[in-house]
Amino acid sequence: MNGGEGDIDLHSFATRLRRMTAEFNRIAHEFAQAQGLHTTDVQALIMIFDAPSPITPGKLREELNLTSGAVTACLDRLERAGHIRRVRDAHDRRVVHLHYREAAQELAAAFFRPLADGTERALSRFSPAELRTVAAFLDTMNEELGALRSAPR
């Protein structure tokens, strides 16, 4: 990965990833401030939104590495602010599923529209084959990060 002209070494690649992550965090922090939320609340909203099916508070606790009390406080804030609703499972009333309210999704979509527009502009600069490579890299990085999270330290 290093040595030839145009190659990207680990340090320069890591710098690019950190810079992008810092910008995403800045935008998420601005959203949190605009909504009167904590940055952890925004992380929870992202987890709820990205989940393939409704997520439970327990799964959210695992994913965010928070205590039960911290998750409860987070969900209370999100519910009071109108971002989520808690729904008891029809078959097991002890199980609660978290749903991102449609109006809150629309609010977030409007806030993050400039980011989505910028992403679309960036995507348009690459061929489908290049985008498949980028997607594969991002998927692999997320797998590696997941393995780091679960590894003993």
N, C-alpha and C. Protein backbone atom coordinates (compact mmCIF):
# COMPACT_ATOMS: atom_id res chain seq x y z
N MET A 1 0.82 -1.19 0.00
CA MET A 1 0.00 0.00 0.00
C MET A 1 0.86 1.25 0.00
N ASN A 2 2.13 1.14 0.14
CA ASN A 2 2.95 2.34 0.03
C ASN A 2 4.17 2.05 -0.82
N GLY A 3 4.77 3.11 -1.27
CA GLY A 3 5.97 2.93 -2.05
C GLY A 3 5.86 3.56 -3.42
N GLY A 4 4.80 3.26 -4.17
CA GLY A 4 4.67 3.79 -5.51
C GLY A 4 4.02 5.16 -5.53
N GLU A 5 4.21 5.85 -6.65
CA GLU A 5 3.60 7.17 -6.80
C GLU A 5 2.08 7.01 -6.83
N GLY A 6 1.38 7.87 -6.12
CA GLY A 6 -0.07 7.80 -6.05
C GLY A 6 -0.60 6.82 -5.03
N ASP A 7 0.28 6.03 -4.42
CA ASP A 7 -0.18 5.10 -3.39
C ASP A 7 -0.55 5.88 -2.14
N ILE A 8 -1.34 5.27 -1.32
CA ILE A 8 -1.77 5.88 -0.07
C ILE A 8 -1.25 5.02 1.06
N ASP A 9 -0.45 5.62 1.93
CA ASP A 9 0.05 4.84 3.06
C ASP A 9 -0.98 4.86 4.20
N LEU A 10 -0.75 4.02 5.17
CA LEU A 10 -1.69 3.87 6.28
C LEU A 10 -1.94 5.20 6.99
N HIS A 11 -0.87 5.96 7.25
CA HIS A 11 -1.03 7.22 7.97
C HIS A 11 -1.91 8.21 7.19
N SER A 12 -1.65 8.38 5.92
CA SER A 12 -2.45 9.34 5.15
C SER A 12 -3.90 8.88 5.02
N PHE A 13 -4.10 7.58 4.91
CA PHE A 13 -5.45 7.05 4.83
C PHE A 13 -6.18 7.25 6.16
N ALA A 14 -5.49 6.96 7.26
CA ALA A 14 -6.09 7.15 8.59
C ALA A 14 -6.43 8.63 8.83
N THR A 15 -5.56 9.52 8.37
CA THR A 15 -5.83 10.95 8.51
C THR A 15 -7.11 11.34 7.76
N ARG A 16 -7.27 10.82 6.57
CA ARG A 16 -8.48 11.11 5.79
C ARG A 16 -9.73 10.58 6.50
N LEU A 17 -9.64 9.38 7.03
CA LEU A 17 -10.79 8.81 7.75
C LEU A 17 -11.12 9.62 9.01
N ARG A 18 -10.08 10.03 9.74
CA ARG A 18 -10.32 10.84 10.95
C ARG A 18 -10.95 12.18 10.59
N ARG A 19 -10.47 12.80 9.53
CA ARG A 19 -11.01 14.09 9.12
C ARG A 19 -12.49 13.95 8.75
N MET A 20 -12.83 12.91 8.01
CA MET A 20 -14.22 12.69 7.64
C MET A 20 -15.08 12.39 8.87
N THR A 21 -14.56 11.56 9.76
CA THR A 21 -15.29 11.24 10.99
C THR A 21 -15.51 12.49 11.83
N ALA A 22 -14.50 13.34 11.93
CA ALA A 22 -14.63 14.58 12.70
C ALA A 22 -15.72 15.47 12.11
N GLU A 23 -15.81 15.53 10.79
CA GLU A 23 -16.85 16.35 10.15
C GLU A 23 -18.23 15.76 10.41
N PHE A 24 -18.36 14.43 10.30
CA PHE A 24 -19.64 13.80 10.62
C PHE A 24 -20.03 14.08 12.07
N ASN A 25 -19.07 13.97 12.98
CA ASN A 25 -19.35 14.24 14.39
C ASN A 25 -19.76 15.69 14.61
N ARG A 26 -19.12 16.63 13.91
CA ARG A 26 -19.47 18.04 14.04
C ARG A 26 -20.92 18.26 13.62
N ILE A 27 -21.30 17.68 12.49
CA ILE A 27 -22.67 17.84 12.00
C ILE A 27 -23.67 17.21 12.96
N ALA A 28 -23.35 16.02 13.48
CA ALA A 28 -24.23 15.35 14.45
C ALA A 28 -24.36 16.19 15.72
N HIS A 29 -23.25 16.81 16.15
CA HIS A 29 -23.28 17.67 17.34
C HIS A 29 -24.17 18.89 17.10
N GLU A 30 -24.10 19.47 15.91
CA GLU A 30 -24.97 20.60 15.57
C GLU A 30 -26.44 20.19 15.62
N PHE A 31 -26.75 19.00 15.10
CA PHE A 31 -28.12 18.50 15.15
C PHE A 31 -28.56 18.32 16.60
N ALA A 32 -27.68 17.72 17.41
CA ALA A 32 -28.01 17.51 18.82
C ALA A 32 -28.31 18.85 19.50
N GLN A 33 -27.46 19.84 19.28
CA GLN A 33 -27.68 21.16 19.89
C GLN A 33 -28.99 21.77 19.41
N ALA A 34 -29.26 21.68 18.12
CA ALA A 34 -30.48 22.27 17.57
C ALA A 34 -31.73 21.61 18.15
N GLN A 35 -31.62 20.33 18.51
CA GLN A 35 -32.76 19.59 19.03
C GLN A 35 -32.79 19.51 20.56
N GLY A 36 -31.80 20.11 21.21
CA GLY A 36 -31.72 20.05 22.67
C GLY A 36 -31.40 18.65 23.17
N LEU A 37 -30.60 17.92 22.40
CA LEU A 37 -30.25 16.54 22.74
C LEU A 37 -28.78 16.43 23.09
N HIS A 38 -28.41 15.30 23.66
CA HIS A 38 -27.01 14.97 23.88
C HIS A 38 -26.49 14.26 22.63
N THR A 39 -25.19 14.26 22.47
CA THR A 39 -24.63 13.55 21.30
C THR A 39 -24.91 12.05 21.38
N THR A 40 -24.98 11.51 22.57
CA THR A 40 -25.34 10.09 22.74
C THR A 40 -26.76 9.84 22.24
N ASP A 41 -27.64 10.81 22.43
CA ASP A 41 -29.01 10.68 21.94
C ASP A 41 -29.02 10.55 20.42
N VAL A 42 -28.17 11.33 19.76
CA VAL A 42 -28.09 11.26 18.30
C VAL A 42 -27.53 9.91 17.87
N GLN A 43 -26.54 9.40 18.60
CA GLN A 43 -26.02 8.07 18.30
C GLN A 43 -27.14 7.03 18.43
N ALA A 44 -27.96 7.17 19.46
CA ALA A 44 -29.08 6.24 19.64
C ALA A 44 -30.07 6.36 18.49
N LEU A 45 -30.38 7.58 18.07
CA LEU A 45 -31.29 7.77 16.94
C LEU A 45 -30.75 7.10 15.69
N ILE A 46 -29.46 7.23 15.46
CA ILE A 46 -28.85 6.61 14.29
C ILE A 46 -28.99 5.09 14.36
N MET A 47 -28.74 4.52 15.55
CA MET A 47 -28.88 3.07 15.72
C MET A 47 -30.33 2.63 15.46
N ILE A 48 -31.28 3.40 15.98
CA ILE A 48 -32.70 3.07 15.80
C ILE A 48 -33.07 3.17 14.32
N PHE A 49 -32.60 4.22 13.66
CA PHE A 49 -32.91 4.43 12.25
C PHE A 49 -32.29 3.36 11.36
N ASP A 50 -31.05 3.00 11.63
CA ASP A 50 -30.31 2.06 10.79
C ASP A 50 -30.67 0.59 11.04
N ALA A 51 -31.31 0.30 12.14
CA ALA A 51 -31.64 -1.10 12.46
C ALA A 51 -32.59 -1.66 11.40
N PRO A 52 -32.35 -2.88 10.94
CA PRO A 52 -33.21 -3.47 9.91
C PRO A 52 -34.63 -3.74 10.39
N SER A 53 -34.80 -3.86 11.70
CA SER A 53 -36.12 -4.03 12.31
C SER A 53 -36.09 -3.29 13.64
N PRO A 54 -37.26 -3.04 14.24
CA PRO A 54 -37.25 -2.28 15.49
C PRO A 54 -36.29 -2.88 16.52
N ILE A 55 -35.51 -2.01 17.12
CA ILE A 55 -34.47 -2.40 18.07
C ILE A 55 -35.04 -2.31 19.49
N THR A 56 -34.49 -3.11 20.38
CA THR A 56 -34.92 -3.07 21.79
C THR A 56 -33.95 -2.20 22.59
N PRO A 57 -34.38 -1.70 23.74
CA PRO A 57 -33.45 -0.94 24.60
C PRO A 57 -32.21 -1.76 24.97
N GLY A 58 -32.37 -3.05 25.19
CA GLY A 58 -31.22 -3.89 25.53
C GLY A 58 -30.19 -3.96 24.42
N LYS A 59 -30.68 -4.10 23.18
CA LYS A 59 -29.77 -4.13 22.03
C LYS A 59 -29.10 -2.76 21.87
N LEU A 60 -29.83 -1.70 22.08
CA LEU A 60 -29.27 -0.35 22.01
C LEU A 60 -28.18 -0.17 23.06
N ARG A 61 -28.42 -0.69 24.26
CA ARG A 61 -27.43 -0.62 25.34
C ARG A 61 -26.15 -1.32 24.92
N GLU A 62 -26.28 -2.51 24.34
CA GLU A 62 -25.11 -3.27 23.88
C GLU A 62 -24.35 -2.50 22.79
N GLU A 63 -25.07 -1.99 21.82
CA GLU A 63 -24.45 -1.31 20.68
C GLU A 63 -23.73 -0.03 21.09
N LEU A 64 -24.32 0.70 22.03
CA LEU A 64 -23.73 1.98 22.45
C LEU A 64 -22.82 1.83 23.67
N ASN A 65 -22.78 0.62 24.23
CA ASN A 65 -21.94 0.35 25.40
C ASN A 65 -22.29 1.29 26.56
N LEU A 66 -23.58 1.36 26.87
CA LEU A 66 -24.07 2.21 27.95
C LEU A 66 -24.68 1.34 29.05
N THR A 67 -24.85 1.93 30.21
CA THR A 67 -25.55 1.25 31.29
C THR A 67 -27.05 1.28 31.01
N SER A 68 -27.79 0.42 31.68
CA SER A 68 -29.25 0.41 31.52
C SER A 68 -29.84 1.76 31.90
N GLY A 69 -29.32 2.35 32.97
CA GLY A 69 -29.82 3.65 33.41
C GLY A 69 -29.56 4.75 32.39
N ALA A 70 -28.38 4.71 31.76
CA ALA A 70 -28.05 5.72 30.75
C ALA A 70 -28.95 5.57 29.52
N VAL A 71 -29.24 4.33 29.14
CA VAL A 71 -30.13 4.10 28.00
C VAL A 71 -31.53 4.59 28.32
N THR A 72 -32.00 4.30 29.53
CA THR A 72 -33.34 4.76 29.93
C THR A 72 -33.42 6.28 29.89
N ALA A 73 -32.42 6.96 30.42
CA ALA A 73 -32.41 8.44 30.40
C ALA A 73 -32.39 8.96 28.96
N CYS A 74 -31.59 8.33 28.12
CA CYS A 74 -31.50 8.71 26.71
C CYS A 74 -32.86 8.54 26.03
N LEU A 75 -33.48 7.39 26.21
CA LEU A 75 -34.76 7.11 25.58
C LEU A 75 -35.85 8.03 26.12
N ASP A 76 -35.79 8.35 27.41
CA ASP A 76 -36.75 9.30 27.97
C ASP A 76 -36.64 10.66 27.28
N ARG A 77 -35.39 11.13 27.07
CA ARG A 77 -35.18 12.42 26.39
C ARG A 77 -35.70 12.36 24.96
N LEU A 78 -35.38 11.27 24.26
CA LEU A 78 -35.80 11.14 22.87
C LEU A 78 -37.32 11.06 22.75
N GLU A 79 -37.94 10.38 23.69
CA GLU A 79 -39.40 10.27 23.66
C GLU A 79 -40.06 11.61 23.98
N ARG A 80 -39.54 12.30 25.00
CA ARG A 80 -40.09 13.62 25.35
C ARG A 80 -39.95 14.62 24.20
N ALA A 81 -38.84 14.51 23.46
CA ALA A 81 -38.59 15.42 22.33
C ALA A 81 -39.38 15.02 21.08
N GLY A 82 -40.08 13.89 21.14
CA GLY A 82 -40.91 13.46 20.01
C GLY A 82 -40.17 12.72 18.92
N HIS A 83 -38.97 12.25 19.20
CA HIS A 83 -38.19 11.55 18.18
C HIS A 83 -38.52 10.06 18.08
N ILE A 84 -38.83 9.44 19.19
CA ILE A 84 -39.10 8.01 19.17
C ILE A 84 -40.39 7.70 19.91
N ARG A 85 -40.84 6.47 19.73
CA ARG A 85 -41.92 5.94 20.57
C ARG A 85 -41.53 4.53 20.96
N ARG A 86 -41.96 4.14 22.13
CA ARG A 86 -41.72 2.79 22.63
C ARG A 86 -43.01 2.00 22.42
N VAL A 87 -42.85 0.81 21.86
CA VAL A 87 -44.02 -0.03 21.58
C VAL A 87 -43.78 -1.39 22.18
N ARG A 88 -44.73 -1.84 23.00
CA ARG A 88 -44.63 -3.17 23.60
C ARG A 88 -44.94 -4.23 22.54
N ASP A 89 -44.20 -5.32 22.60
CA ASP A 89 -44.40 -6.44 21.68
C ASP A 89 -45.78 -7.04 21.91
N ALA A 90 -46.47 -7.34 20.83
CA ALA A 90 -47.83 -7.89 20.94
C ALA A 90 -47.85 -9.27 21.57
N HIS A 91 -46.77 -10.05 21.40
CA HIS A 91 -46.73 -11.42 21.91
C HIS A 91 -46.08 -11.53 23.28
N ASP A 92 -45.21 -10.59 23.61
CA ASP A 92 -44.52 -10.60 24.90
C ASP A 92 -44.44 -9.16 25.40
N ARG A 93 -45.37 -8.80 26.27
CA ARG A 93 -45.50 -7.41 26.73
C ARG A 93 -44.26 -6.93 27.49
N ARG A 94 -43.37 -7.84 27.88
CA ARG A 94 -42.13 -7.42 28.56
C ARG A 94 -41.13 -6.82 27.58
N VAL A 95 -41.27 -7.14 26.30
CA VAL A 95 -40.35 -6.68 25.27
C VAL A 95 -40.83 -5.34 24.72
N VAL A 96 -39.90 -4.39 24.64
CA VAL A 96 -40.21 -3.06 24.10
C VAL A 96 -39.39 -2.86 22.82
N HIS A 97 -40.04 -2.35 21.80
CA HIS A 97 -39.37 -2.02 20.54
C HIS A 97 -39.36 -0.51 20.39
N LEU A 98 -38.26 0.00 19.84
CA LEU A 98 -38.08 1.43 19.66
C LEU A 98 -38.35 1.80 18.20
N HIS A 99 -39.17 2.80 17.99
CA HIS A 99 -39.53 3.24 16.65
C HIS A 99 -39.20 4.72 16.51
N TYR A 100 -38.58 5.06 15.40
CA TYR A 100 -38.25 6.45 15.07
C TYR A 100 -39.52 7.07 14.46
N ARG A 101 -40.05 8.10 15.08
CA ARG A 101 -41.28 8.71 14.60
C ARG A 101 -41.07 9.33 13.21
N GLU A 102 -42.09 9.20 12.38
CA GLU A 102 -41.99 9.69 11.01
C GLU A 102 -41.73 11.20 10.96
N ALA A 103 -42.40 11.96 11.80
CA ALA A 103 -42.19 13.42 11.80
C ALA A 103 -40.75 13.76 12.20
N ALA A 104 -40.19 12.99 13.12
CA ALA A 104 -38.80 13.21 13.53
C ALA A 104 -37.84 12.83 12.41
N GLN A 105 -38.17 11.78 11.66
CA GLN A 105 -37.35 11.40 10.51
C GLN A 105 -37.35 12.51 9.47
N GLU A 106 -38.50 13.12 9.26
CA GLU A 106 -38.59 14.22 8.29
C GLU A 106 -37.78 15.42 8.76
N LEU A 107 -37.81 15.70 10.05
CA LEU A 107 -37.03 16.79 10.63
C LEU A 107 -35.54 16.53 10.43
N ALA A 108 -35.10 15.31 10.71
CA ALA A 108 -33.69 14.95 10.54
C ALA A 108 -33.31 15.00 9.06
N ALA A 109 -34.19 14.52 8.19
CA ALA A 109 -33.90 14.54 6.76
C ALA A 109 -33.69 15.97 6.27
N ALA A 110 -34.51 16.89 6.75
CA ALA A 110 -34.36 18.29 6.35
C ALA A 110 -33.04 18.86 6.87
N PHE A 111 -32.69 18.54 8.12
CA PHE A 111 -31.45 19.05 8.70
C PHE A 111 -30.23 18.51 7.95
N PHE A 112 -30.26 17.22 7.64
CA PHE A 112 -29.12 16.56 7.02
C PHE A 112 -29.14 16.61 5.48
N ARG A 113 -30.12 17.33 4.90
CA ARG A 113 -30.21 17.41 3.43
C ARG A 113 -28.91 17.93 2.81
N PRO A 114 -28.28 18.98 3.35
CA PRO A 114 -27.01 19.42 2.75
C PRO A 114 -25.94 18.32 2.75
N LEU A 115 -25.90 17.51 3.79
CA LEU A 115 -24.96 16.40 3.83
C LEU A 115 -25.31 15.37 2.76
N ALA A 116 -26.60 15.07 2.62
CA ALA A 116 -27.03 14.12 1.59
C ALA A 116 -26.69 14.65 0.20
N ASP A 117 -26.90 15.95 -0.01
CA ASP A 117 -26.58 16.54 -1.32
C ASP A 117 -25.08 16.45 -1.60
N GLY A 118 -24.27 16.75 -0.59
CA GLY A 118 -22.82 16.64 -0.76
C GLY A 118 -22.39 15.21 -1.03
N THR A 119 -23.03 14.27 -0.37
CA THR A 119 -22.73 12.86 -0.59
C THR A 119 -23.08 12.46 -2.02
N GLU A 120 -24.24 12.92 -2.49
CA GLU A 120 -24.63 12.61 -3.87
C GLU A 120 -23.63 13.20 -4.87
N ARG A 121 -23.17 14.43 -4.61
CA ARG A 121 -22.17 15.03 -5.50
C ARG A 121 -20.88 14.21 -5.49
N ALA A 122 -20.46 13.79 -4.30
CA ALA A 122 -19.23 12.97 -4.21
C ALA A 122 -19.42 11.64 -4.94
N LEU A 123 -20.56 10.99 -4.74
CA LEU A 123 -20.82 9.71 -5.40
C LEU A 123 -20.79 9.85 -6.92
N SER A 124 -21.27 10.97 -7.42
CA SER A 124 -21.34 11.15 -8.88
C SER A 124 -19.97 11.25 -9.53
N ARG A 125 -18.94 11.44 -8.75
CA ARG A 125 -17.57 11.57 -9.28
C ARG A 125 -16.88 10.23 -9.49
N PHE A 126 -17.56 9.15 -9.11
CA PHE A 126 -16.94 7.83 -9.18
C PHE A 126 -17.79 6.89 -10.02
N SER A 127 -17.12 5.93 -10.63
CA SER A 127 -17.83 4.93 -11.43
C SER A 127 -18.49 3.92 -10.50
N PRO A 128 -19.47 3.18 -11.02
CA PRO A 128 -20.08 2.13 -10.19
C PRO A 128 -19.05 1.13 -9.65
N ALA A 129 -18.06 0.78 -10.45
CA ALA A 129 -17.03 -0.16 -9.98
C ALA A 129 -16.22 0.44 -8.84
N GLU A 130 -15.88 1.71 -8.96
CA GLU A 130 -15.14 2.37 -7.88
C GLU A 130 -15.98 2.44 -6.61
N LEU A 131 -17.28 2.73 -6.76
CA LEU A 131 -18.16 2.81 -5.59
C LEU A 131 -18.32 1.44 -4.93
N ARG A 132 -18.34 0.37 -5.71
CA ARG A 132 -18.41 -0.98 -5.12
C ARG A 132 -17.15 -1.24 -4.30
N THR A 133 -16.00 -0.77 -4.78
CA THR A 133 -14.75 -0.93 -4.03
C THR A 133 -14.79 -0.13 -2.73
N VAL A 134 -15.26 1.10 -2.82
CA VAL A 134 -15.38 1.93 -1.61
C VAL A 134 -16.34 1.28 -0.62
N ALA A 135 -17.48 0.81 -1.11
CA ALA A 135 -18.45 0.15 -0.23
C ALA A 135 -17.86 -1.09 0.42
N ALA A 136 -17.10 -1.87 -0.35
CA ALA A 136 -16.46 -3.06 0.21
C ALA A 136 -15.46 -2.67 1.30
N PHE A 137 -14.70 -1.61 1.05
CA PHE A 137 -13.75 -1.13 2.06
C PHE A 137 -14.49 -0.71 3.33
N LEU A 138 -15.56 0.08 3.18
CA LEU A 138 -16.30 0.54 4.35
C LEU A 138 -16.92 -0.64 5.11
N ASP A 139 -17.46 -1.62 4.39
CA ASP A 139 -18.01 -2.81 5.05
C ASP A 139 -16.92 -3.54 5.83
N THR A 140 -15.75 -3.69 5.22
CA THR A 140 -14.64 -4.37 5.87
C THR A 140 -14.16 -3.61 7.09
N MET A 141 -14.07 -2.28 6.97
CA MET A 141 -13.67 -1.47 8.13
C MET A 141 -14.67 -1.62 9.28
N ASN A 142 -15.96 -1.62 8.95
CA ASN A 142 -16.97 -1.79 10.00
C ASN A 142 -16.86 -3.16 10.65
N GLU A 143 -16.54 -4.19 9.88
CA GLU A 143 -16.31 -5.51 10.46
C GLU A 143 -15.12 -5.49 11.40
N GLU A 144 -14.04 -4.85 10.98
CA GLU A 144 -12.85 -4.76 11.83
C GLU A 144 -13.13 -3.97 13.10
N LEU A 145 -13.87 -2.89 12.97
CA LEU A 145 -14.21 -2.09 14.14
C LEU A 145 -15.10 -2.87 15.10
N GLY A 146 -16.02 -3.64 14.54
CA GLY A 146 -16.88 -4.49 15.36
C GLY A 146 -16.07 -5.54 16.11
N ALA A 147 -15.07 -6.11 15.44
CA ALA A 147 -14.20 -7.09 16.10
C ALA A 147 -13.38 -6.44 17.22
N LEU A 148 -12.94 -5.22 16.99
CA LEU A 148 -12.20 -4.50 18.06
C LEU A 148 -13.08 -4.24 19.27
N ARG A 149 -14.35 -3.91 19.00
CA ARG A 149 -15.27 -3.61 20.10
C ARG A 149 -15.48 -4.83 20.99
N SER A 150 -15.55 -6.00 20.36
CA SER A 150 -15.85 -7.22 21.13
C SER A 150 -14.59 -7.90 21.67
N ALA A 151 -13.42 -7.44 21.26
CA ALA A 151 -12.18 -8.08 21.71
C ALA A 151 -11.83 -7.63 23.13
N PRO A 152 -11.32 -8.56 23.95
CA PRO A 152 -10.92 -8.15 25.30
C PRO A 152 -9.70 -7.21 25.23
N ARG A 153 -9.66 -6.29 26.17
CA ARG A 153 -8.55 -5.31 26.17
C ARG A 153 -7.71 -5.52 27.40
